[in-house]
Amino acid sequence: MRKWRKTLFLALFILALSAFFVANSIIVTGHEVRLVTPTFPRIELSADPTIDEIIENGKETRYQGAVYFVNEDLYKDVEVKGRGNTTFRSEKMPFQIKFSEKVDLYGMGKSKKWILLANYYDSTQVRNSLAFYLERLLGEQYALNGKFVELYYNNERLGLYYLTPKVEIAKSRVDLRDPLGVLAEYDTVHHENKVCYTPKSGGCITVSDLVSKDNESAAMTDFMKSYDNLMSAAKRSDYAAVSKLADTESLAIYYILSEFSVNPDAYVSSFYFYKDGPDDKIHAGPGWDFDFAFGNRRWSYAKEDEFFSPSFKQFQRRWAFGGSEYFDKVSGTSRVMESDDAISKLLYYMIDMPEFLSQVKTIYRERLMGKKDEIIGFIKDEVALIKDQALRDNSQLQFDDFYTELDELFIWLSERFNHFDTEYGEN
């Protein structure tokens, strides 16, 4: 009897131990064996001010702090600041962290500046990750990547965040080398505290980064001259001149990404260009800021049929050029839309050129068409990683149901593929 009990106890012990090993990692270093329970990647950020004090002092105020990547590395000399526009004063603030020297986080390449996106307005929290994935599929060489992490600030859990490099000039980012190389942003709505360079066509272009900080005047003189010439050539449908001034493939990729995702920020802000000195062309990209894109119902216009057919471009065109009638819900009357110079008209002119339209169709057919299942599979893989954290966040913030929003996103993507196959597909 004792022998039977001993055998049963040993069997149960081995079974329990096996289950434990399945759920844990075994790390062997020399003669040491350590069992490490895998956890969701966690970042602990610390600095003197409270969140309320950061908001009160403004997003340009920088603080010295430290950041600890739990079970990995501690960096003590780190600059911390709040960031974002509409999200800066939200219940879930995004952050920028700047290291004293370049670091490679989670294999994404070396950089000093990193962004912790809050995805506050996206109940699924996957839209930015999805957009970067699409941009990689489309072939943008500087498309970003990211890593979902759980963020704590001064020992208080802030929630699920998306860690990604900042859009900047660097060897592993936007790799510019010429002394007059510049990374510029078309930004007509969030350019406070920035020098605004005004194109002849209207709007506002700001400096995002420079190869040489001492050469801003010369670099922007060169860039703005090229940009004005590009807009002029596009307006008169001179494709030969456009192709000499701009990298039309990068513009086609940006157009497809913005149009497919129905990104409301695409033509008013977060529209990046780069030019590596006087001998280079203007390039578009990389893409940024997609939390309101992909039919996000938290943006009121996303509920309108015009977002699906015939094209979001037509909806934006109405705002940019004006002239069409619309029903004003406030006054209860029909009004005529006024033109809005804040919206970039570059891609509206471009897509009306047969040569550019042909390039857009070719890139879509070769790189994105037929990949709906692959893209939905990518989203499902992301969801499998973040669902527990996302559900916790949405419950805390009293947002819409996580799975309901995901279902809406999947339906929206199917409809968008149908629309693109009709507009840009083989037929």
Protein backbone atom coordinates (compact mmCIF):
# COMPACT_ATOMS: atom_id res chain seq x y z
CA MET A 1 0.00 0.00 0.00
CA ARG A 2 2.80 2.41 0.92
CA LYS A 3 4.60 1.62 -2.33
CA TRP A 4 1.41 2.34 -4.31
CA ARG A 5 0.90 5.67 -2.52
CA LYS A 6 4.53 6.59 -3.09
CA THR A 7 4.21 5.80 -6.80
CA LEU A 8 0.98 7.82 -7.08
CA PHE A 9 2.52 10.79 -5.25
CA LEU A 10 5.56 10.68 -7.54
CA ALA A 11 3.36 10.55 -10.64
CA LEU A 12 1.27 13.50 -9.47
CA PHE A 13 4.42 15.45 -8.59
CA ILE A 14 5.90 14.85 -12.05
CA LEU A 15 2.61 15.87 -13.70
CA ALA A 16 2.45 19.09 -11.68
CA LEU A 17 6.11 19.83 -12.39
CA SER A 18 5.55 19.28 -16.13
CA ALA A 19 2.64 21.70 -16.12
CA PHE A 20 4.82 24.21 -14.28
CA PHE A 21 7.60 23.91 -16.86
CA VAL A 22 5.12 24.35 -19.71
CA ALA A 23 4.02 27.67 -18.20
CA ASN A 24 7.56 28.83 -17.38
CA SER A 25 10.89 29.35 -19.07
CA ILE A 26 14.06 27.54 -18.00
CA ILE A 27 17.25 29.60 -18.14
CA VAL A 28 20.54 27.74 -17.71
CA THR A 29 23.71 29.75 -17.02
CA GLY A 30 26.71 27.61 -16.07
CA HIS A 31 25.55 25.43 -13.19
CA GLU A 32 22.64 27.74 -12.29
CA VAL A 33 19.09 26.88 -13.29
CA ARG A 34 16.51 29.65 -12.92
CA LEU A 35 12.77 29.44 -13.55
CA VAL A 36 11.32 32.68 -14.90
CA THR A 37 7.56 33.14 -15.14
CA PRO A 38 6.85 34.98 -18.41
CA THR A 39 5.03 38.28 -17.97
CA PHE A 40 3.69 40.96 -20.28
CA PRO A 41 6.52 43.42 -21.13
CA ARG A 42 6.47 46.06 -18.42
CA ILE A 43 8.03 49.51 -18.31
CA GLU A 44 8.32 51.54 -15.11
CA LEU A 45 8.75 55.24 -15.77
CA SER A 46 9.62 57.64 -12.96
CA ALA A 47 10.04 61.42 -12.68
CA ASP A 48 9.31 64.13 -10.09
CA PRO A 49 6.11 65.69 -11.45
CA THR A 50 2.68 64.14 -11.16
CA ILE A 51 0.58 63.61 -14.28
CA ASP A 52 -1.50 66.66 -13.36
CA GLU A 53 1.66 68.77 -13.07
CA ILE A 54 2.86 67.60 -16.50
CA ILE A 55 -0.48 68.67 -17.99
CA GLU A 56 -0.40 72.00 -16.17
CA ASN A 57 3.14 72.82 -17.32
CA GLY A 58 2.50 71.86 -20.96
CA LYS A 59 3.81 69.12 -23.22
CA GLU A 60 7.02 70.96 -24.13
CA THR A 61 8.28 70.88 -20.52
CA ARG A 62 10.94 68.23 -20.05
CA TYR A 63 11.84 66.41 -16.85
CA GLN A 64 14.75 64.26 -15.76
CA GLY A 65 13.72 60.76 -14.81
CA ALA A 66 14.47 57.07 -15.13
CA VAL A 67 12.98 54.15 -17.00
CA TYR A 68 13.16 50.49 -16.00
CA PHE A 69 12.41 47.73 -18.47
CA VAL A 70 11.39 45.10 -15.92
CA ASN A 71 13.67 42.05 -15.92
CA GLU A 72 15.88 43.76 -18.49
CA ASP A 73 17.55 47.19 -18.18
CA LEU A 74 17.47 50.30 -16.01
CA TYR A 75 18.28 53.71 -17.51
CA LYS A 76 18.71 56.48 -14.95
CA ASP A 77 19.56 59.48 -17.14
CA VAL A 78 16.37 59.84 -19.18
CA GLU A 79 14.41 62.89 -20.30
CA VAL A 80 10.65 62.50 -19.90
CA LYS A 81 7.83 64.61 -21.30
CA GLY A 82 4.17 64.32 -22.19
CA ARG A 83 3.27 64.37 -25.87
CA GLY A 84 0.29 64.22 -28.20
CA ASN A 85 -2.28 66.74 -29.29
CA THR A 86 -5.84 65.71 -28.48
CA THR A 87 -4.48 62.94 -26.27
CA PHE A 88 -2.16 65.10 -24.17
CA ARG A 89 -4.89 66.05 -21.69
CA SER A 90 -6.73 62.75 -21.90
CA GLU A 91 -7.14 60.20 -19.12
CA LYS A 92 -4.30 58.22 -20.67
CA MET A 93 -1.42 60.49 -21.60
CA PRO A 94 1.22 59.48 -24.18
CA PHE A 95 4.91 60.09 -23.39
CA GLN A 96 8.20 60.74 -25.10
CA ILE A 97 11.36 59.40 -23.50
CA LYS A 98 14.82 60.50 -24.59
CA PHE A 99 17.93 58.56 -23.60
CA SER A 100 21.36 60.13 -23.14
CA GLU A 101 22.66 57.91 -25.94
CA LYS A 102 21.09 55.75 -28.62
CA VAL A 103 19.60 52.46 -27.42
CA ASP A 104 18.05 49.52 -29.25
CA LEU A 105 14.76 48.57 -27.60
CA TYR A 106 13.28 45.16 -28.42
CA GLY A 107 15.32 44.89 -31.61
CA MET A 108 13.75 47.95 -33.28
CA GLY A 109 17.04 49.69 -33.96
CA LYS A 110 19.05 52.30 -32.10
CA SER A 111 17.51 55.67 -31.31
CA LYS A 112 17.56 58.29 -28.57
CA LYS A 113 13.89 59.26 -28.74
CA TRP A 114 11.04 56.81 -28.22
CA ILE A 115 7.29 57.31 -28.04
CA LEU A 116 4.83 55.57 -25.74
CA LEU A 117 1.53 55.80 -27.60
CA ALA A 118 -1.56 55.60 -25.41
CA ASN A 119 -4.03 54.67 -28.21
CA TYR A 120 -6.58 56.41 -26.02
CA TYR A 121 -9.17 56.92 -28.75
CA ASP A 122 -8.87 53.39 -30.12
CA SER A 123 -10.81 50.81 -28.10
CA THR A 124 -9.13 47.99 -30.05
CA GLN A 125 -5.67 49.53 -29.47
CA VAL A 126 -4.38 47.84 -32.66
CA ARG A 127 -4.94 50.51 -35.31
CA ASN A 128 -1.46 52.07 -35.19
CA SER A 129 0.18 48.66 -35.19
CA LEU A 130 -2.01 47.65 -38.13
CA ALA A 131 -1.13 50.79 -40.10
CA PHE A 132 2.62 50.24 -39.65
CA TYR A 133 2.17 46.63 -40.78
CA LEU A 134 0.31 47.72 -43.91
CA GLU A 135 3.00 50.28 -44.65
CA ARG A 136 5.66 47.58 -44.43
CA LEU A 137 3.65 45.42 -46.83
CA LEU A 138 3.41 48.37 -49.22
CA GLY A 139 7.19 48.78 -49.19
CA GLU A 140 7.86 52.04 -47.33
CA GLN A 141 11.53 51.67 -46.39
CA TYR A 142 11.21 53.73 -43.20
CA ALA A 143 7.91 52.27 -41.95
CA LEU A 144 7.86 52.07 -38.16
CA ASN A 145 7.47 49.08 -35.90
CA GLY A 146 6.35 48.85 -32.29
CA LYS A 147 5.99 46.79 -29.13
CA PHE A 148 3.00 46.59 -26.79
CA VAL A 149 3.98 47.16 -23.15
CA GLU A 150 2.33 47.71 -19.79
CA LEU A 151 3.32 51.16 -18.49
CA TYR A 152 3.66 52.31 -14.89
CA TYR A 153 4.40 55.92 -13.93
CA ASN A 154 5.72 56.50 -10.40
CA ASN A 155 4.41 53.06 -9.40
CA GLU A 156 0.91 53.73 -10.75
CA ARG A 157 -0.34 51.58 -13.61
CA LEU A 158 -1.30 53.71 -16.63
CA GLY A 159 -2.24 50.81 -18.86
CA LEU A 160 -1.44 49.22 -22.20
CA TYR A 161 0.86 51.35 -24.38
CA TYR A 162 2.53 50.95 -27.76
CA LEU A 163 6.28 51.66 -27.69
CA THR A 164 7.60 52.87 -31.02
CA PRO A 165 10.56 54.91 -32.28
CA LYS A 166 10.02 58.60 -32.92
CA VAL A 167 9.88 59.69 -36.54
CA GLU A 168 13.32 61.30 -36.81
CA ILE A 169 16.56 61.37 -38.77
CA ALA A 170 18.82 58.50 -37.74
CA LYS A 171 20.69 55.64 -39.36
CA SER A 172 18.01 53.16 -38.29
CA ARG A 173 15.13 55.61 -38.90
CA VAL A 174 14.96 58.13 -41.76
CA ASP A 175 18.54 57.84 -42.95
CA LEU A 176 19.57 61.24 -44.32
CA ARG A 177 23.21 62.28 -44.70
CA ASP A 178 23.43 65.58 -46.61
CA PRO A 179 24.08 68.70 -44.45
CA LEU A 180 20.86 70.16 -45.88
CA GLY A 181 18.83 67.00 -45.30
CA VAL A 182 15.47 67.69 -43.66
CA LEU A 183 12.49 65.78 -42.30
CA ALA A 184 9.43 68.05 -42.59
CA GLU A 185 5.82 67.74 -41.52
CA TYR A 186 2.73 69.19 -43.15
CA ASP A 187 0.89 70.30 -40.02
CA THR A 188 -1.82 72.93 -40.16
CA VAL A 189 -3.63 72.10 -36.93
CA HIS A 190 -1.01 71.30 -34.29
CA HIS A 191 1.91 73.61 -35.02
CA GLU A 192 1.89 75.59 -31.79
CA ASN A 193 5.38 76.60 -30.62
CA LYS A 194 6.84 75.69 -34.04
CA VAL A 195 8.11 77.84 -36.88
CA CYS A 196 5.56 77.61 -39.69
CA TYR A 197 6.87 77.68 -43.26
CA THR A 198 3.95 78.61 -45.51
CA PRO A 199 3.85 77.15 -49.03
CA LYS A 200 2.46 79.27 -51.86
CA SER A 201 -0.46 76.82 -52.02
CA GLY A 202 -1.32 77.44 -48.35
CA GLY A 203 -1.06 75.37 -45.21
CA CYS A 204 1.85 75.02 -42.85
CA ILE A 205 5.06 72.98 -43.01
CA THR A 206 7.21 72.59 -39.92
CA VAL A 207 10.67 71.17 -39.31
CA SER A 208 10.55 67.80 -37.64
CA ASP A 209 14.28 67.06 -37.77
CA LEU A 210 17.47 68.18 -39.52
CA VAL A 211 20.77 66.54 -40.36
CA SER A 212 22.46 69.73 -39.20
CA LYS A 213 20.67 72.01 -36.74
CA ASP A 214 22.85 74.91 -37.92
CA ASN A 215 21.54 74.66 -41.49
CA GLU A 216 17.79 75.02 -40.94
CA SER A 217 17.43 78.18 -43.03
CA ALA A 218 19.30 76.78 -46.05
CA ALA A 219 17.69 73.34 -45.73
CA MET A 220 14.15 74.73 -45.57
CA THR A 221 14.80 77.22 -48.38
CA ASP A 222 15.78 74.29 -50.57
CA PHE A 223 12.84 72.15 -49.41
CA MET A 224 10.18 74.84 -49.77
CA LYS A 225 11.36 75.76 -53.27
CA SER A 226 11.04 72.11 -54.31
CA TYR A 227 7.67 71.74 -52.57
CA ASP A 228 6.22 74.84 -54.25
CA ASN A 229 7.45 73.63 -57.65
CA LEU A 230 5.97 70.19 -56.94
CA MET A 231 2.56 71.64 -56.05
CA SER A 232 2.60 73.81 -59.16
CA ALA A 233 3.47 70.86 -61.40
CA ALA A 234 0.83 68.65 -59.76
CA LYS A 235 -1.86 71.33 -60.13
CA ARG A 236 -1.23 71.63 -63.86
CA SER A 237 -1.03 67.80 -64.20
CA ASP A 238 2.56 67.89 -65.46
CA TYR A 239 3.61 64.37 -64.49
CA ALA A 240 7.03 64.65 -66.14
CA ALA A 241 7.87 67.62 -63.91
CA VAL A 242 6.35 65.92 -60.85
CA SER A 243 8.48 62.80 -61.35
CA LYS A 244 11.64 64.93 -61.48
CA LEU A 245 10.76 66.69 -58.23
CA ALA A 246 9.30 63.84 -56.16
CA ASP A 247 9.65 60.14 -55.48
CA THR A 248 6.29 59.19 -56.94
CA GLU A 249 6.45 55.64 -55.56
CA SER A 250 6.64 56.95 -52.00
CA LEU A 251 3.72 59.29 -52.73
CA ALA A 252 1.73 56.36 -54.15
CA ILE A 253 2.44 54.27 -51.04
CA TYR A 254 1.39 57.14 -48.78
CA TYR A 255 -1.76 57.68 -50.84
CA ILE A 256 -2.77 53.99 -50.62
CA LEU A 257 -2.04 53.82 -46.89
CA SER A 258 -3.98 57.02 -46.14
CA GLU A 259 -6.85 56.25 -48.49
CA PHE A 260 -7.20 52.60 -47.46
CA SER A 261 -7.16 53.43 -43.74
CA VAL A 262 -9.38 56.52 -44.21
CA ASN A 263 -7.05 58.45 -41.95
CA PRO A 264 -8.50 61.88 -41.06
CA ASP A 265 -5.07 63.21 -40.10
CA ALA A 266 -3.44 62.22 -43.38
CA TYR A 267 -3.72 65.55 -45.18
CA VAL A 268 -3.78 68.09 -42.36
CA SER A 269 -1.11 66.87 -39.93
CA SER A 270 1.33 64.01 -39.37
CA PHE A 271 2.03 64.15 -43.14
CA TYR A 272 5.81 63.65 -43.29
CA PHE A 273 8.20 64.46 -46.13
CA TYR A 274 11.95 64.11 -46.31
CA LYS A 275 14.60 65.38 -48.69
CA ASP A 276 18.29 64.58 -48.47
CA GLY A 277 19.72 67.84 -49.73
CA PRO A 278 19.51 69.82 -53.01
CA ASP A 279 20.29 66.84 -55.26
CA ASP A 280 17.50 64.66 -53.83
CA LYS A 281 13.79 64.44 -54.61
CA ILE A 282 10.96 64.96 -52.10
CA HIS A 283 9.83 61.70 -50.54
CA ALA A 284 6.61 61.08 -48.60
CA GLY A 285 6.45 59.14 -45.33
CA PRO A 286 6.70 57.42 -43.04
CA GLY A 287 3.08 57.19 -41.91
CA TRP A 288 2.08 58.24 -38.40
CA ASP A 289 -0.99 58.68 -36.16
CA PHE A 290 -3.75 56.22 -37.09
CA ASP A 291 -5.82 55.94 -33.90
CA PHE A 292 -8.81 57.61 -35.59
CA ALA A 293 -8.39 55.63 -38.84
CA PHE A 294 -9.87 52.34 -40.07
CA GLY A 295 -13.47 53.34 -39.41
CA ASN A 296 -12.99 54.21 -35.74
CA ARG A 297 -16.51 54.99 -34.54
CA ARG A 298 -15.22 57.37 -31.88
CA TRP A 299 -14.67 59.85 -34.71
CA SER A 300 -18.15 61.04 -35.70
CA TYR A 301 -17.56 61.20 -39.46
CA ALA A 302 -16.52 57.54 -39.50
CA LYS A 303 -20.19 56.63 -39.25
CA GLU A 304 -21.06 58.26 -42.57
CA ASP A 305 -21.48 56.27 -45.76
CA GLU A 306 -19.09 58.56 -47.62
CA PHE A 307 -16.25 56.96 -45.74
CA PHE A 308 -16.79 53.76 -47.68
CA SER A 309 -17.96 54.77 -51.13
CA PRO A 310 -17.03 56.04 -53.55
CA SER A 311 -13.82 57.12 -51.85
CA PHE A 312 -12.55 58.97 -48.81
CA LYS A 313 -10.59 61.09 -51.26
CA GLN A 314 -13.87 62.54 -52.51
CA PHE A 315 -14.93 63.35 -48.97
CA GLN A 316 -11.61 65.13 -48.31
CA ARG A 317 -11.82 66.87 -51.67
CA ARG A 318 -15.15 68.38 -50.64
CA TRP A 319 -13.51 69.87 -47.57
CA ALA A 320 -10.37 71.02 -49.38
CA PHE A 321 -11.97 72.68 -52.38
CA GLY A 322 -15.46 73.44 -51.12
CA GLY A 323 -18.40 74.26 -53.36
CA SER A 324 -20.65 71.31 -52.49
CA GLU A 325 -23.79 71.52 -50.38
CA TYR A 326 -24.13 69.89 -47.01
CA PHE A 327 -26.76 69.79 -44.29
CA ASP A 328 -25.77 71.73 -41.20
CA LYS A 329 -27.23 69.86 -38.23
CA VAL A 330 -26.77 72.87 -35.92
CA SER A 331 -28.75 75.39 -37.98
CA GLY A 332 -30.98 72.81 -39.65
CA THR A 333 -30.31 74.30 -43.10
CA SER A 334 -28.34 73.41 -46.20
CA ARG A 335 -25.08 75.28 -46.68
CA VAL A 336 -22.31 75.47 -49.25
CA MET A 337 -18.95 74.09 -48.16
CA GLU A 338 -16.16 76.66 -48.11
CA SER A 339 -12.67 75.72 -49.29
CA ASP A 340 -10.17 74.92 -46.57
CA ASP A 341 -6.54 75.86 -47.25
CA ALA A 342 -5.46 73.88 -44.19
CA ILE A 343 -5.87 70.63 -46.14
CA SER A 344 -3.04 69.59 -48.43
CA LYS A 345 -4.22 69.26 -52.03
CA LEU A 346 -1.08 67.52 -53.32
CA LEU A 347 -2.47 64.00 -53.55
CA TYR A 348 -5.81 65.23 -54.94
CA TYR A 349 -3.94 66.68 -57.90
CA MET A 350 -1.72 63.63 -58.16
CA ILE A 351 -4.46 60.98 -58.29
CA ASP A 352 -6.11 62.78 -61.19
CA MET A 353 -3.01 62.12 -63.31
CA PRO A 354 -3.32 58.84 -65.28
CA GLU A 355 0.35 58.01 -64.74
CA PHE A 356 0.10 58.30 -60.96
CA LEU A 357 -3.22 56.44 -60.84
CA SER A 358 -1.61 53.62 -62.82
CA GLN A 359 1.26 53.49 -60.31
CA VAL A 360 -1.20 53.37 -57.39
CA LYS A 361 -3.09 50.51 -59.03
CA THR A 362 0.09 48.55 -59.71
CA ILE A 363 1.38 48.89 -56.14
CA TYR A 364 -1.99 47.94 -54.67
CA ARG A 365 -2.37 44.89 -56.91
CA GLU A 366 1.18 43.64 -56.33
CA ARG A 367 1.59 44.35 -52.62
CA LEU A 368 -1.79 44.53 -50.88
CA MET A 369 -4.53 43.02 -52.99
CA GLY A 370 -5.60 39.55 -51.85
CA LYS A 371 -3.99 39.90 -48.42
CA LYS A 372 -7.13 40.43 -46.38
CA ASP A 373 -6.80 37.10 -44.56
CA GLU A 374 -3.13 37.77 -43.84
CA ILE A 375 -3.92 41.20 -42.40
CA ILE A 376 -6.79 39.91 -40.29
CA GLY A 377 -4.48 37.13 -39.09
CA PHE A 378 -1.95 39.77 -38.05
CA ILE A 379 -4.63 41.58 -36.03
CA LYS A 380 -5.69 38.35 -34.33
CA ASP A 381 -2.07 37.63 -33.35
CA GLU A 382 -1.81 41.11 -31.83
CA VAL A 383 -5.11 40.63 -30.00
CA ALA A 384 -3.91 37.33 -28.53
CA LEU A 385 -0.98 39.25 -26.99
CA ILE A 386 -2.84 42.27 -25.63
CA LYS A 387 -6.41 41.18 -24.91
CA ASP A 388 -6.06 40.90 -21.11
CA GLN A 389 -4.39 44.31 -20.86
CA ALA A 390 -6.81 45.91 -23.34
CA LEU A 391 -9.88 44.55 -21.53
CA ARG A 392 -8.51 45.90 -18.26
CA ASP A 393 -7.93 49.34 -19.80
CA ASN A 394 -11.33 49.53 -21.47
CA SER A 395 -13.05 48.52 -18.25
CA GLN A 396 -11.14 51.16 -16.29
CA LEU A 397 -11.86 53.89 -18.87
CA GLN A 398 -15.44 52.68 -19.40
CA PHE A 399 -14.92 52.39 -23.16
CA ASP A 400 -16.92 50.34 -25.63
CA ASP A 401 -16.60 46.58 -25.52
CA PHE A 402 -13.23 45.38 -26.83
CA TYR A 403 -14.55 42.44 -28.84
CA THR A 404 -17.46 44.41 -30.29
CA GLU A 405 -15.02 47.02 -31.58
CA LEU A 406 -12.80 44.29 -33.06
CA ASP A 407 -15.77 42.80 -34.90
CA GLU A 408 -16.57 46.25 -36.30
CA LEU A 409 -12.95 46.60 -37.44
CA PHE A 410 -12.97 43.22 -39.21
CA ILE A 411 -16.23 44.08 -41.01
CA TRP A 412 -14.85 47.50 -41.95
CA LEU A 413 -11.65 45.98 -43.38
CA SER A 414 -13.64 43.53 -45.51
CA GLU A 415 -15.72 46.38 -46.92
CA ARG A 416 -12.62 48.46 -47.55
CA PHE A 417 -10.93 45.63 -49.45
CA ASN A 418 -14.08 45.26 -51.57
CA HIS A 419 -14.00 48.98 -52.32
CA PHE A 420 -10.29 48.97 -53.21
CA ASP A 421 -10.61 45.87 -55.39
CA THR A 422 -13.30 47.74 -57.33
CA GLU A 423 -11.42 51.05 -57.55
CA TYR A 424 -7.84 49.82 -58.01
CA GLY A 425 -8.04 46.08 -58.65
CA GLU A 426 -7.67 44.06 -61.84
CA ASN A 427 -11.13 44.97 -63.13
